[in-house]
C-alpha atoms as a PDB file:
ATOM      1  CA  MET A   1      28.836  -3.359 130.868  1.00  0.00           C
ATOM      2  CA  LEU A   2      27.931  -3.136 127.540  1.00  0.00           C
ATOM      3  CA  ARG A   3      28.187  -6.948 127.209  1.00  0.00           C
ATOM      4  CA  GLN A   4      25.059  -7.535 129.010  1.00  0.00           C
ATOM      5  CA  SER A   5      23.349  -4.513 127.545  1.00  0.00           C
ATOM      6  CA  PRO A   6      20.387  -5.756 125.500  1.00  0.00           C
ATOM      7  CA  LEU A   7      21.726  -3.380 122.833  1.00  0.00           C
ATOM      8  CA  ALA A   8      25.080  -5.324 122.770  1.00  0.00           C
ATOM      9  CA  GLY A   9      23.589  -7.549 119.860  1.00  0.00           C
ATOM     10  CA  PRO A  10      22.326  -4.954 117.428  1.00  0.00           C
ATOM     11  CA  LEU A  11      25.412  -3.035 117.779  1.00  0.00           C
ATOM     12  CA  TRP A  12      27.474  -5.855 116.885  1.00  0.00           C
ATOM     13  CA  GLU A  13      25.331  -6.231 113.822  1.00  0.00           C
ATOM     14  CA  THR A  14      25.703  -2.723 113.072  1.00  0.00           C
ATOM     15  CA  LEU A  15      29.331  -3.116 113.257  1.00  0.00           C
ATOM     16  CA  VAL A  16      29.405  -6.352 111.355  1.00  0.00           C
ATOM     17  CA  CYS A  17      27.447  -4.507 108.431  1.00  0.00           C
ATOM     18  CA  ALA A  18      29.935  -1.737 108.313  1.00  0.00           C
ATOM     19  CA  GLU A  19      33.056  -4.048 108.114  1.00  0.00           C
ATOM     20  CA  LEU A  20      31.308  -5.773 105.236  1.00  0.00           C
ATOM     21  CA  ARG A  21      30.298  -2.934 103.578  1.00  0.00           C
ATOM     22  CA  LYS A  22      33.977  -1.929 103.856  1.00  0.00           C
ATOM     23  CA  GLU A  23      35.040  -4.919 102.530  1.00  0.00           C
ATOM     24  CA  LEU A  24      32.699  -4.447  99.561  1.00  0.00           C
ATOM     25  CA  ALA A  25      33.904  -1.268  98.512  1.00  0.00           C
ATOM     26  CA  LEU A  26      37.799  -2.352  98.788  1.00  0.00           C
ATOM     27  CA  THR A  27      37.159  -4.974  96.294  1.00  0.00           C
ATOM     28  CA  PRO A  28      36.788  -4.549  92.649  1.00  0.00           C
ATOM     29  CA  SER A  29      33.789  -6.688  91.532  1.00  0.00           C
ATOM     30  CA  ALA A  30      29.745  -5.926  91.646  1.00  0.00           C
ATOM     31  CA  ARG A  31      28.829  -7.896  94.936  1.00  0.00           C
ATOM     32  CA  THR A  32      25.758  -6.708  96.671  1.00  0.00           C
ATOM     33  CA  LEU A  33      24.632  -6.781 100.162  1.00  0.00           C
ATOM     34  CA  CYS A  34      21.431  -7.787 101.297  1.00  0.00           C
ATOM     35  CA  PHE A  35      19.518  -9.539 103.920  1.00  0.00           C
ATOM     36  CA  TYR A  36      17.030 -12.620 103.390  1.00  0.00           C
ATOM     37  CA  ARG A  37      13.562 -12.803 105.460  1.00  0.00           C
ATOM     38  CA  ASP A  38      11.201 -15.466 104.357  1.00  0.00           C
ATOM     39  CA  SER A  39       7.372 -15.843 104.884  1.00  0.00           C
ATOM     40  CA  ASP A  40       7.785 -18.140 107.858  1.00  0.00           C
ATOM     41  CA  GLY A  41      10.217 -15.742 109.502  1.00  0.00           C
ATOM     42  CA  GLY A  42      13.295 -17.298 108.814  1.00  0.00           C
ATOM     43  CA  GLU A  43      16.378 -14.986 108.208  1.00  0.00           C
ATOM     44  CA  VAL A  44      19.747 -14.444 107.162  1.00  0.00           C
ATOM     45  CA  ASP A  45      21.555 -11.341 108.707  1.00  0.00           C
ATOM     46  CA  PHE A  46      23.387 -10.733 105.417  1.00  0.00           C
ATOM     47  CA  VAL A  47      23.790 -12.068 101.930  1.00  0.00           C
ATOM     48  CA  VAL A  48      26.493 -11.142  99.860  1.00  0.00           C
ATOM     49  CA  GLU A  49      25.681 -11.605  96.277  1.00  0.00           C
ATOM     50  CA  ASP A  50      28.382 -12.064  93.501  1.00  0.00           C
ATOM     51  CA  GLY A  51      26.374 -13.140  90.384  1.00  0.00           C
ATOM     52  CA  LEU A  52      25.117 -16.786  91.180  1.00  0.00           C
ATOM     53  CA  SER A  53      27.335 -16.983  93.978  1.00  0.00           C
ATOM     54  CA  LEU A  54      26.420 -16.038  97.816  1.00  0.00           C
ATOM     55  CA  ASP A  55      28.248 -15.861 101.144  1.00  0.00           C
ATOM     56  CA  LEU A  56      25.864 -15.959 104.139  1.00  0.00           C
ATOM     57  CA  VAL A  57      26.592 -14.253 107.676  1.00  0.00           C
ATOM     58  CA  GLU A  58      24.422 -14.616 110.682  1.00  0.00           C
ATOM     59  CA  CYS A  59      25.635 -12.403 113.749  1.00  0.00           C
ATOM     60  CA  LYS A  60      25.392 -13.659 117.013  1.00  0.00           C
ATOM     61  CA  TRP A  61      26.960 -11.824 120.335  1.00  0.00           C
ATOM     62  CA  SER A  62      28.548 -15.067 121.793  1.00  0.00           C
ATOM     63  CA  GLU A  63      31.858 -15.962 121.797  1.00  0.00           C
ATOM     64  CA  LEU A  64      30.761 -19.647 121.208  1.00  0.00           C
ATOM     65  CA  PRO A  65      28.315 -19.668 118.903  1.00  0.00           C
ATOM     66  CA  ASP A  66      26.982 -23.438 117.909  1.00  0.00           C
ATOM     67  CA  ARG A  67      25.432 -25.159 115.092  1.00  0.00           C
ATOM     68  CA  ARG A  68      22.024 -23.959 116.172  1.00  0.00           C
ATOM     69  CA  ASP A  69      23.583 -20.007 115.289  1.00  0.00           C
ATOM     70  CA  ALA A  70      23.928 -21.512 111.458  1.00  0.00           C
ATOM     71  CA  LYS A  71      20.304 -23.024 111.070  1.00  0.00           C
ATOM     72  CA  SER A  72      18.914 -20.132 109.225  1.00  0.00           C
ATOM     73  CA  MET A  73      21.695 -20.241 106.645  1.00  0.00           C
ATOM     74  CA  GLN A  74      21.706 -24.014 106.494  1.00  0.00           C
ATOM     75  CA  ARG A  75      18.252 -23.820 105.783  1.00  0.00           C
ATOM     76  CA  LEU A  76      18.730 -21.058 102.924  1.00  0.00           C
ATOM     77  CA  ALA A  77      21.454 -22.790 101.248  1.00  0.00           C
ATOM     78  CA  ALA A  78      19.269 -26.116 101.199  1.00  0.00           C
ATOM     79  CA  ALA A  79      16.455 -23.775  99.356  1.00  0.00           C
ATOM     80  CA  LEU A  80      18.610 -22.611  97.157  1.00  0.00           C
ATOM     81  CA  ALA A  81      20.095 -26.145  96.111  1.00  0.00           C
ATOM     82  CA  GLY A  82      20.576 -26.064  92.227  1.00  0.00           C
ATOM     83  CA  GLN A  83      19.930 -22.385  91.915  1.00  0.00           C
ATOM     84  CA  GLY A  84      23.240 -21.018  92.670  1.00  0.00           C
ATOM     85  CA  GLU A  85      26.339 -21.616  94.728  1.00  0.00           C
ATOM     86  CA  VAL A  86      26.579 -20.957  98.254  1.00  0.00           C
ATOM     87  CA  ARG A  87      30.283 -20.352  99.003  1.00  0.00           C
ATOM     88  CA  SER A  88      30.380 -19.687 102.323  1.00  0.00           C
ATOM     89  CA  MET A  89      28.274 -19.618 105.606  1.00  0.00           C
ATOM     90  CA  ARG A  90      29.900 -17.559 108.245  1.00  0.00           C
ATOM     91  CA  VAL A  91      28.547 -17.133 111.813  1.00  0.00           C
ATOM     92  CA  ALA A  92      30.075 -13.480 112.753  1.00  0.00           C
ATOM     93  CA  CYS A  93      31.055 -13.412 116.541  1.00  0.00           C
ATOM     94  CA  PRO A  94      33.707 -12.012 118.986  1.00  0.00           C
ATOM     95  CA  THR A  95      35.621 -15.019 118.930  1.00  0.00           C
ATOM     96  CA  GLN A  96      39.377 -15.115 119.195  1.00  0.00           C
ATOM     97  CA  ALA A  97      39.969 -17.620 116.690  1.00  0.00           C
ATOM     98  CA  PRO A  98      37.613 -19.019 113.661  1.00  0.00           C
ATOM     99  CA  PHE A  99      36.354 -22.537 114.448  1.00  0.00           C
ATOM    100  CA  PRO A 100      34.108 -25.105 112.132  1.00  0.00           C
ATOM    101  CA  LEU A 101      30.533 -25.420 112.934  1.00  0.00           C
ATOM    102  CA  GLU A 102      28.273 -28.480 112.140  1.00  0.00           C
ATOM    103  CA  GLY A 103      26.835 -28.419 108.769  1.00  0.00           C
ATOM    104  CA  GLY A 104      29.540 -26.659 107.030  1.00  0.00           C
ATOM    105  CA  ALA A 105      29.533 -22.961 108.667  1.00  0.00           C
ATOM    106  CA  ARG A 106      32.273 -21.023 110.407  1.00  0.00           C
ATOM    107  CA  ALA A 107      32.594 -18.941 113.634  1.00  0.00           C
ATOM    108  CA  TRP A 108      34.446 -16.035 112.553  1.00  0.00           C
ATOM    109  CA  ASN A 109      35.364 -12.633 113.943  1.00  0.00           C
ATOM    110  CA  PRO A 110      35.566 -10.116 111.193  1.00  0.00           C
ATOM    111  CA  LEU A 111      37.425  -7.713 113.219  1.00  0.00           C
ATOM    112  CA  LEU A 112      40.068  -9.960 113.062  1.00  0.00           C
ATOM    113  CA  GLY A 113      39.788 -10.895 109.459  1.00  0.00           C
END
């Protein structure tokens, strides 16, 4: 029932946000959580800043995301080239096991670690 609901994606994104906030609260660093949106409408759901290092997270309610789901993260990483380090690009999805995507991103389930 929830799997086909139009609310499934927004609920998943909220759950991922809660998991990221929990992770930040449990680690003793000055990392911050924000999102990114450019003037062309491109966006990345979550950006975890740690000094000049960034971890990018895009949320998708699909067990099998593909390279298109990481496109906005790849564009942001290319735009930031030379200005800081993009440490990771992860697509948060309800998959049973992490797997690589083209372009350096990884599909990962934040509920499984």
